[in-house]
Amino acid sequence: MTPIIAIHGIVLGTCPSMDSSVSMSGPMWYMWNHGEWNRPYDAISYYKCDQDGTAIGAAADNNTPIETIAHDLAWYLYTTYSSHGRTVEIVGHSLGGLIARAALAAFAAHNPTYPPTLLVQDVVAISAPFGGTDFGCSATSYQCREMLPGSSFLTWLAQNQDPQGTNGTDWTVIGGSPCDVVPAASATAMTGAHRWLYYLGKPTCYDHDSYLWDASSAMDAAVAWEWPTATRYQKAYAFHPQAAIMMAVDSSLW
């Protein structure tokens, strides 16, 4: 099966550290437990003190530009997968979604420092602040300043609403909970994507991280979803987040 490339969100501190594999394992356990036990899982470590993941060479801290991490991610994907004809799917949480979009945006813009191909079939961005947010750390962190509404980074990112890898990329953005620090309008600020909003906070009001851990198989989550053509918009009770993520990477289900 197509490998999942999992990219965690922001970590603060002088030596930011995340257990990269564990932090993103919720959706993977859901997939493995629902018939996709053989799907490969590659959790990305980009901070210099990250643990239990695949280091991509960025050795970053909070003052490393998101664009730098995105560049290193693109070359890792090319060297490990695309250059061998292997397609991947990306699941990025928060800053991880920004990193994925920045990598594909620069590739789609034919940045000469980027690899010649990127085979990325799907990207699922979970609570990624595409329209900006304030985590309260902008005074000390360059990455936090890049995530502020109106930053030059987000302005550049908004110029390409549907960045495509080689052979095309299908985008899904997930967020919208009223308990999340990333507002719904920010998490879904990508007109070229399928948009999936937990807009009422029912039955669960998700905070910024808990989208990754709700494995309920119930069909009682208050969801609004919209397709990129804007011809379909519905509000209904539907999947909880882990099932929605699995749906998104299994493109045929859209």
Protein backbone atom coordinates (compact mmCIF):
# COMPACT_ATOMS: atom_id res chain seq x y z
CA MET A 1 0.00 0.00 0.00
CA THR A 2 0.98 3.63 -0.40
CA PRO A 3 3.18 4.85 2.49
CA ILE A 4 1.85 7.46 4.90
CA ILE A 5 4.30 10.29 5.59
CA ALA A 6 3.33 11.74 8.99
CA ILE A 7 4.48 15.25 9.94
CA HIS A 8 3.94 16.50 13.49
CA GLY A 9 3.17 20.05 14.59
CA ILE A 10 5.04 22.81 16.34
CA VAL A 11 7.02 22.25 19.54
CA LEU A 12 8.38 25.14 21.59
CA GLY A 13 11.60 25.42 23.59
CA THR A 14 15.32 25.83 23.13
CA CYS A 15 15.66 22.25 21.91
CA PRO A 16 12.21 21.34 20.53
CA SER A 17 11.53 17.64 20.84
CA MET A 18 8.66 15.41 19.76
CA ASP A 19 8.32 11.66 19.71
CA SER A 20 7.56 11.88 16.03
CA SER A 21 6.21 8.38 15.58
CA VAL A 22 3.99 8.23 18.67
CA SER A 23 2.60 11.76 18.27
CA MET A 24 1.13 10.92 14.85
CA SER A 25 0.29 7.28 15.48
CA GLY A 26 -3.42 7.68 16.21
CA PRO A 27 -4.57 7.76 12.57
CA MET A 28 -2.16 4.96 11.69
CA TRP A 29 -3.51 2.66 14.39
CA TYR A 30 -6.98 3.36 13.07
CA MET A 31 -5.96 2.40 9.53
CA TRP A 32 -4.14 -0.73 10.68
CA ASN A 33 -7.17 -1.77 12.74
CA HIS A 34 -9.55 -1.20 9.84
CA GLY A 35 -8.07 -3.42 7.16
CA GLU A 36 -4.86 -1.56 6.22
CA TRP A 37 -2.44 -3.39 8.53
CA ASN A 38 0.24 -3.50 5.83
CA ARG A 39 0.29 0.23 5.08
CA PRO A 40 3.84 1.62 5.64
CA TYR A 41 4.26 4.47 8.11
CA ASP A 42 7.10 6.99 7.96
CA ALA A 43 7.03 9.61 10.75
CA ILE A 44 9.18 12.65 9.99
CA SER A 45 11.57 14.21 12.52
CA TYR A 46 12.63 17.73 11.61
CA TYR A 47 13.48 19.33 14.97
CA LYS A 48 17.02 18.70 16.14
CA CYS A 49 15.89 16.99 19.36
CA ASP A 50 13.04 14.94 17.84
CA GLN A 51 12.94 11.26 18.69
CA ASP A 52 11.71 8.03 17.12
CA GLY A 53 11.25 9.24 13.56
CA THR A 54 13.04 9.69 10.26
CA ALA A 55 15.40 12.66 10.37
CA ILE A 56 15.21 14.71 7.18
CA GLY A 57 18.28 16.80 7.76
CA ALA A 58 16.69 20.06 8.83
CA ALA A 59 17.89 19.80 12.47
CA ALA A 60 15.55 22.72 13.05
CA ASP A 61 14.48 24.75 16.04
CA ASN A 62 11.70 27.33 16.37
CA ASN A 63 13.73 29.93 14.53
CA THR A 64 14.23 27.78 11.44
CA PRO A 65 12.03 29.08 8.58
CA ILE A 66 9.20 26.78 7.59
CA GLU A 67 10.45 27.08 4.02
CA THR A 68 13.77 25.48 5.02
CA ILE A 69 12.06 22.47 6.57
CA ALA A 70 9.78 22.18 3.52
CA HIS A 71 12.81 22.14 1.23
CA ASP A 72 14.45 19.36 3.24
CA LEU A 73 11.18 17.42 3.24
CA ALA A 74 10.92 17.67 -0.55
CA TRP A 75 14.41 16.29 -1.05
CA TYR A 76 13.80 13.50 1.45
CA LEU A 77 10.62 12.49 -0.39
CA TYR A 78 12.43 12.58 -3.71
CA THR A 79 15.48 10.62 -2.58
CA THR A 80 13.54 7.99 -0.65
CA TYR A 81 10.38 7.63 -2.74
CA SER A 82 9.83 9.73 -5.88
CA SER A 83 13.16 8.94 -7.52
CA HIS A 84 12.23 5.25 -7.26
CA GLY A 85 8.77 5.78 -8.72
CA ARG A 86 7.05 5.39 -5.34
CA THR A 87 4.05 7.55 -4.52
CA VAL A 88 3.31 8.71 -0.96
CA GLU A 89 0.47 10.23 1.01
CA ILE A 90 1.06 12.92 3.64
CA VAL A 91 -0.79 13.44 6.91
CA GLY A 92 0.34 16.70 8.52
CA HIS A 93 -0.84 18.16 11.81
CA SER A 94 -0.71 21.91 12.43
CA LEU A 95 2.76 23.12 11.39
CA GLY A 96 3.14 19.76 9.63
CA GLY A 97 0.36 20.76 7.24
CA LEU A 98 2.09 24.07 6.53
CA ILE A 99 5.37 22.27 5.83
CA ALA A 100 3.68 19.92 3.36
CA ARG A 101 1.89 22.74 1.56
CA ALA A 102 5.03 24.87 1.40
CA ALA A 103 6.98 21.97 -0.12
CA LEU A 104 4.40 21.36 -2.83
CA ALA A 105 3.86 25.08 -3.45
CA ALA A 106 7.56 25.64 -4.10
CA PHE A 107 7.72 22.52 -6.27
CA ALA A 108 4.67 23.60 -8.27
CA ALA A 109 6.25 27.04 -8.75
CA HIS A 110 9.28 25.30 -10.34
CA ASN A 111 11.71 26.49 -7.68
CA PRO A 112 15.08 25.54 -9.20
CA THR A 113 16.43 24.29 -5.87
CA TYR A 114 13.70 21.64 -5.65
CA PRO A 115 13.82 18.05 -6.96
CA PRO A 116 12.52 17.24 -10.45
CA THR A 117 9.59 15.09 -9.29
CA LEU A 118 7.43 14.74 -6.18
CA LEU A 119 4.96 11.86 -6.24
CA VAL A 120 2.43 12.90 -3.59
CA GLN A 121 -1.02 11.45 -4.21
CA ASP A 122 -2.87 12.91 -1.19
CA VAL A 123 -2.27 15.42 1.56
CA VAL A 124 -4.44 15.62 4.68
CA ALA A 125 -3.79 18.76 6.74
CA ILE A 126 -5.25 18.64 10.25
CA SER A 127 -5.79 21.96 12.01
CA ALA A 128 -3.09 23.64 9.91
CA PRO A 129 -3.23 27.44 10.28
CA PHE A 130 -3.30 28.27 6.55
CA GLY A 131 -5.01 31.56 7.34
CA GLY A 132 -2.86 32.18 10.40
CA THR A 133 -3.17 31.91 14.17
CA ASP A 134 -1.41 33.24 17.24
CA PHE A 135 -0.01 30.53 19.51
CA GLY A 136 1.22 33.20 21.91
CA CYS A 137 4.87 32.59 21.05
CA SER A 138 5.51 35.12 18.29
CA ALA A 139 7.83 37.27 20.43
CA THR A 140 10.44 34.52 20.66
CA SER A 141 9.82 32.25 17.68
CA TYR A 142 10.35 32.91 13.98
CA GLN A 143 8.05 30.00 13.10
CA CYS A 144 5.27 31.49 15.24
CA ARG A 145 5.69 34.83 13.49
CA GLU A 146 5.38 33.07 10.14
CA MET A 147 2.04 31.67 11.34
CA LEU A 148 0.58 35.05 12.27
CA PRO A 149 -2.28 36.22 10.01
CA GLY A 150 -0.93 38.36 7.19
CA SER A 151 2.68 37.16 7.43
CA SER A 152 4.75 37.21 4.27
CA PHE A 153 4.99 33.40 4.44
CA LEU A 154 1.21 32.91 4.55
CA THR A 155 0.74 35.54 1.85
CA TRP A 156 3.09 33.58 -0.40
CA LEU A 157 1.38 30.31 0.48
CA ALA A 158 -2.04 31.72 -0.43
CA GLN A 159 -0.89 32.46 -3.97
CA ASN A 160 -1.25 28.77 -4.83
CA GLN A 161 -4.53 27.39 -3.49
CA ASP A 162 -4.07 23.90 -4.95
CA PRO A 163 -0.36 23.01 -5.20
CA GLN A 164 0.20 19.84 -7.18
CA GLY A 165 2.92 17.24 -7.14
CA THR A 166 3.87 15.14 -10.15
CA ASN A 167 0.76 13.36 -11.52
CA GLY A 168 -1.51 15.41 -9.25
CA THR A 169 -2.26 15.78 -5.54
CA ASP A 170 -5.63 15.60 -3.80
CA TRP A 171 -5.94 17.86 -0.74
CA THR A 172 -8.15 17.53 2.34
CA VAL A 173 -8.22 20.03 5.22
CA ILE A 174 -9.71 19.04 8.59
CA GLY A 175 -10.45 21.30 11.57
CA GLY A 176 -13.10 23.76 12.60
CA SER A 177 -13.76 22.78 16.20
CA PRO A 178 -14.74 25.75 18.40
CA CYS A 179 -12.30 24.46 21.06
CA ASP A 180 -9.31 24.62 18.70
CA VAL A 181 -6.75 27.46 18.80
CA VAL A 182 -6.79 27.42 14.98
CA PRO A 183 -10.05 29.01 13.82
CA ALA A 184 -12.19 27.15 11.29
CA ALA A 185 -11.64 29.83 8.65
CA SER A 186 -7.87 29.42 9.01
CA ALA A 187 -7.78 25.60 9.03
CA THR A 188 -9.87 25.52 5.85
CA ALA A 189 -8.28 28.47 4.02
CA MET A 190 -7.50 26.43 0.94
CA THR A 191 -10.04 26.62 -1.85
CA GLY A 192 -8.55 23.72 -3.80
CA ALA A 193 -9.16 21.21 -1.01
CA HIS A 194 -11.93 19.04 0.34
CA ARG A 195 -12.92 20.85 3.54
CA TRP A 196 -14.12 18.93 6.60
CA LEU A 197 -15.19 21.02 9.62
CA TYR A 198 -16.21 19.84 13.09
CA TYR A 199 -18.10 23.09 13.40
CA LEU A 200 -20.41 22.52 16.39
CA GLY A 201 -18.11 20.68 18.76
CA LYS A 202 -20.55 17.77 19.00
CA PRO A 203 -20.24 15.17 20.35
CA THR A 204 -16.61 16.16 21.00
CA CYS A 205 -15.18 19.66 21.11
CA TYR A 206 -11.70 18.97 19.78
CA ASP A 207 -8.74 20.90 21.05
CA HIS A 208 -5.74 21.38 18.77
CA ASP A 209 -4.35 17.86 19.21
CA SER A 210 -7.34 15.64 19.90
CA TYR A 211 -8.38 15.26 16.25
CA LEU A 212 -5.52 12.76 16.09
CA TRP A 213 -6.88 10.51 18.83
CA ASP A 214 -10.63 10.11 18.33
CA ALA A 215 -11.04 6.58 16.98
CA SER A 216 -14.80 6.39 17.44
CA SER A 217 -16.60 4.54 14.67
CA ALA A 218 -19.86 6.35 15.43
CA MET A 219 -21.54 8.50 12.79
CA ASP A 220 -22.61 11.22 15.19
CA ALA A 221 -20.01 13.97 14.76
CA ALA A 222 -21.46 17.30 13.62
CA VAL A 223 -19.60 17.93 10.37
CA ALA A 224 -19.76 20.39 7.52
CA TRP A 225 -17.99 19.35 4.35
CA GLU A 226 -17.35 21.02 1.03
CA TRP A 227 -15.81 19.84 -2.22
CA PRO A 228 -13.33 22.00 -4.20
CA THR A 229 -15.84 22.71 -6.97
CA ALA A 230 -18.10 24.39 -4.37
CA THR A 231 -21.05 22.61 -5.97
CA ARG A 232 -21.51 20.36 -2.92
CA TYR A 233 -21.84 21.64 0.61
CA GLN A 234 -23.49 19.70 3.38
CA LYS A 235 -23.93 19.70 7.12
CA ALA A 236 -24.68 16.38 8.73
CA TYR A 237 -23.68 13.88 11.37
CA ALA A 238 -20.76 11.89 10.03
CA PHE A 239 -17.34 10.39 10.74
CA HIS A 240 -15.10 11.21 13.68
CA PRO A 241 -11.59 12.46 12.73
CA GLN A 242 -9.56 9.23 12.44
CA ALA A 243 -12.16 7.72 10.11
CA ALA A 244 -12.23 10.97 8.12
CA ILE A 245 -8.43 10.89 7.75
CA MET A 246 -8.57 7.30 6.49
CA MET A 247 -11.31 8.29 4.05
CA ALA A 248 -9.20 11.16 2.76
CA VAL A 249 -6.08 9.09 2.04
CA ASP A 250 -8.16 6.38 0.40
CA SER A 251 -8.94 8.72 -2.47
CA SER A 252 -11.44 6.46 -4.19
CA LEU A 253 -13.81 6.99 -1.26
CA TRP A 254 -14.14 10.69 -2.06
